Amino acid sequence: MSTVRRELADVEPRLAVADVSTLRARIDGSVSQPRLTATLMGGFAAIALLLATVGIYGVVSHSAARRTREIGIRRVLGADGPTVVKMIVREGAAPALVGLTAGLIAAFALVSFIETNLFQISAHDPGTFGGIAVVVAFVTLAAAWLPARRAARVAPTVAIRLG
């Protein structure tokens, strides 16, 4: 900076140079607050997604695991394992997928409140909405499928006694 001041003094001695900094420092200073806001919002969004997936997994998994006795009875009556698993997954995931749809609609409607904090991205970014929907749908289906598959592998007589 002293070199810049010396050269400016040689060119124009009456010019007062008070605040000299690099362009990078000026840019960093001007975007530091929006960058902090975006980082915090991204962190909170990641935590919310994690909590949502853990909650969905817990509820759907518990619901499917509670049906072990029912699965045993269905197996005794002649249903094969894959058919029972499909039924449990379909019935366990349906409420969660309805909730996912309602949540996406609400998020799409309410996202305009945070639009001022977004930079170079649309508030209605289909990639973000699609990515979240895929993650939640995958967790929901896995949460229903894993306990249903586990229960379908148990011998029907044991499943009836467990329930």
Protein backbone atom coordinates (compact mmCIF):
# COMPACT_ATOMS: atom_id res chain seq x y z
CA MET A 1 0.00 0.00 0.00
CA SER A 2 2.91 2.34 0.65
CA THR A 3 4.02 1.89 -2.96
CA VAL A 4 0.55 2.84 -4.19
CA ARG A 5 0.51 5.94 -1.98
CA ARG A 6 4.01 6.95 -3.15
CA GLU A 7 3.06 6.56 -6.84
CA LEU A 8 -0.14 8.53 -6.35
CA ALA A 9 1.80 11.29 -4.61
CA ASP A 10 4.19 11.44 -7.59
CA VAL A 11 1.30 11.76 -10.05
CA GLU A 12 -0.92 14.11 -8.02
CA PRO A 13 0.65 15.51 -4.85
CA ARG A 14 -2.55 17.31 -3.72
CA LEU A 15 -4.60 14.08 -3.72
CA ALA A 16 -5.35 12.79 -0.23
CA VAL A 17 -5.31 8.99 0.05
CA ALA A 18 -7.08 7.81 3.18
CA ASP A 19 -8.54 4.35 2.78
CA VAL A 20 -6.57 2.05 0.51
CA SER A 21 -7.46 -1.60 0.18
CA THR A 22 -7.56 -4.29 -2.45
CA LEU A 23 -10.61 -4.95 -4.60
CA ARG A 24 -10.90 -8.42 -3.07
CA ALA A 25 -11.06 -6.92 0.44
CA ARG A 26 -13.77 -4.47 -0.69
CA ILE A 27 -15.83 -7.25 -2.29
CA ASP A 28 -15.44 -9.52 0.74
CA GLY A 29 -16.55 -6.70 3.01
CA SER A 30 -19.61 -5.93 0.93
CA VAL A 31 -20.86 -9.55 0.78
CA SER A 32 -19.90 -10.71 4.25
CA GLN A 33 -23.36 -10.13 5.77
CA PRO A 34 -25.32 -11.83 2.96
CA ARG A 35 -22.80 -14.68 2.97
CA LEU A 36 -23.25 -15.17 6.72
CA THR A 37 -27.04 -15.12 6.33
CA ALA A 38 -26.90 -17.66 3.50
CA THR A 39 -24.55 -19.92 5.46
CA LEU A 40 -26.79 -19.83 8.54
CA MET A 41 -29.91 -20.47 6.47
CA GLY A 42 -28.21 -23.37 4.72
CA GLY A 43 -27.12 -24.83 8.05
CA PHE A 44 -30.59 -24.51 9.54
CA ALA A 45 -32.10 -26.04 6.41
CA ALA A 46 -29.72 -29.01 6.66
CA ILE A 47 -30.60 -29.48 10.33
CA ALA A 48 -34.32 -29.27 9.49
CA LEU A 49 -33.91 -31.87 6.75
CA LEU A 50 -32.01 -34.15 9.11
CA LEU A 51 -34.67 -33.80 11.83
CA ALA A 52 -37.45 -34.40 9.29
CA THR A 53 -35.81 -37.54 7.93
CA VAL A 54 -35.10 -38.93 11.40
CA GLY A 55 -38.67 -38.18 12.49
CA ILE A 56 -40.20 -39.72 9.39
CA TYR A 57 -37.98 -42.76 9.69
CA GLY A 58 -38.90 -43.22 13.35
CA VAL A 59 -42.65 -42.90 12.86
CA VAL A 60 -42.92 -45.02 9.71
CA SER A 61 -40.49 -47.65 11.00
CA HIS A 62 -42.36 -47.93 14.31
CA SER A 63 -45.68 -48.21 12.49
CA ALA A 64 -44.38 -50.99 10.24
CA ALA A 65 -42.68 -52.84 13.11
CA ARG A 66 -45.92 -52.83 15.12
CA ARG A 67 -47.53 -54.88 12.36
CA THR A 68 -45.32 -57.95 12.92
CA ARG A 69 -48.23 -59.98 14.25
CA GLU A 70 -50.44 -58.96 11.34
CA ILE A 71 -47.70 -59.99 8.93
CA GLY A 72 -47.49 -63.38 10.68
CA ILE A 73 -51.23 -63.90 10.38
CA ARG A 74 -51.19 -62.96 6.70
CA ARG A 75 -48.32 -65.37 6.11
CA VAL A 76 -50.18 -68.19 7.92
CA LEU A 77 -53.21 -67.50 5.72
CA GLY A 78 -51.09 -67.93 2.59
CA ALA A 79 -49.66 -64.55 1.64
CA ASP A 80 -46.09 -64.66 0.40
CA GLY A 81 -43.37 -62.42 1.86
CA PRO A 82 -42.89 -59.98 -1.05
CA THR A 83 -46.63 -59.34 -1.34
CA VAL A 84 -46.89 -58.57 2.37
CA VAL A 85 -43.83 -56.30 2.24
CA LYS A 86 -45.30 -54.34 -0.70
CA MET A 87 -48.57 -53.89 1.17
CA ILE A 88 -46.84 -52.70 4.36
CA VAL A 89 -44.60 -50.29 2.41
CA ARG A 90 -47.55 -48.88 0.48
CA GLU A 91 -49.68 -48.40 3.58
CA GLY A 92 -46.82 -47.07 5.69
CA ALA A 93 -45.47 -44.64 3.14
CA ALA A 94 -48.78 -43.21 1.91
CA PRO A 95 -49.36 -40.80 4.84
CA ALA A 96 -45.75 -39.63 4.74
CA LEU A 97 -45.91 -38.99 1.01
CA VAL A 98 -49.17 -37.04 1.45
CA GLY A 99 -47.36 -34.98 4.09
CA LEU A 100 -44.43 -34.48 1.73
CA THR A 101 -46.77 -33.17 -0.95
CA ALA A 102 -48.48 -30.80 1.49
CA GLY A 103 -45.08 -29.63 2.76
CA LEU A 104 -43.80 -28.94 -0.74
CA ILE A 105 -46.92 -26.92 -1.56
CA ALA A 106 -46.58 -24.90 1.66
CA ALA A 107 -42.85 -24.36 1.11
CA PHE A 108 -43.43 -23.25 -2.47
CA ALA A 109 -46.06 -20.76 -1.27
CA LEU A 110 -44.02 -19.40 1.65
CA VAL A 111 -40.56 -19.25 0.07
CA SER A 112 -41.15 -15.66 -1.09
CA PHE A 113 -40.48 -14.56 2.51
CA ILE A 114 -36.81 -15.49 2.20
CA GLU A 115 -36.37 -14.45 -1.43
CA THR A 116 -34.45 -11.29 -0.47
CA ASN A 117 -31.72 -13.44 1.11
CA LEU A 118 -31.17 -15.55 -2.00
CA PHE A 119 -28.36 -14.67 -4.40
CA GLN A 120 -28.25 -15.89 -8.00
CA ILE A 121 -30.90 -18.53 -7.37
CA SER A 122 -34.63 -18.49 -7.83
CA ALA A 123 -36.82 -18.79 -4.77
CA HIS A 124 -38.73 -21.49 -6.62
CA ASP A 125 -35.64 -23.48 -7.69
CA PRO A 126 -36.89 -26.85 -8.97
CA GLY A 127 -33.56 -28.54 -8.18
CA THR A 128 -33.82 -27.70 -4.49
CA PHE A 129 -37.45 -28.70 -4.19
CA GLY A 130 -36.85 -31.88 -6.19
CA GLY A 131 -33.76 -32.82 -4.18
CA ILE A 132 -35.56 -32.44 -0.87
CA ALA A 133 -38.54 -34.41 -2.17
CA VAL A 134 -36.29 -37.25 -3.34
CA VAL A 135 -34.45 -37.43 0.01
CA VAL A 136 -37.67 -37.45 2.05
CA ALA A 137 -39.36 -39.98 -0.26
CA PHE A 138 -36.32 -42.27 -0.14
CA VAL A 139 -36.14 -42.13 3.66
CA THR A 140 -39.88 -42.78 3.90
CA LEU A 141 -39.76 -45.81 1.62
CA ALA A 142 -36.68 -47.19 3.38
CA ALA A 143 -38.31 -46.66 6.77
CA ALA A 144 -41.33 -48.68 5.68
CA TRP A 145 -39.43 -51.32 3.73
CA LEU A 146 -36.74 -52.31 6.27
CA PRO A 147 -39.02 -53.34 9.18
CA ALA A 148 -41.57 -54.90 6.82
CA ARG A 149 -38.86 -57.02 5.20
CA ARG A 150 -37.50 -57.98 8.60
CA ALA A 151 -40.96 -58.96 9.86
CA ALA A 152 -41.74 -60.90 6.67
CA ARG A 153 -38.60 -63.02 7.18
CA VAL A 154 -39.72 -64.13 10.64
CA ALA A 155 -41.47 -67.47 10.71
CA PRO A 156 -45.26 -66.94 10.80
CA THR A 157 -45.70 -68.83 14.08
CA VAL A 158 -42.96 -66.77 15.74
CA ALA A 159 -44.42 -63.52 14.36
CA ILE A 160 -47.82 -64.33 15.84
CA ARG A 161 -46.24 -64.96 19.24
CA LEU A 162 -44.11 -61.77 19.03
CA GLY A 163 -47.09 -59.54 18.31
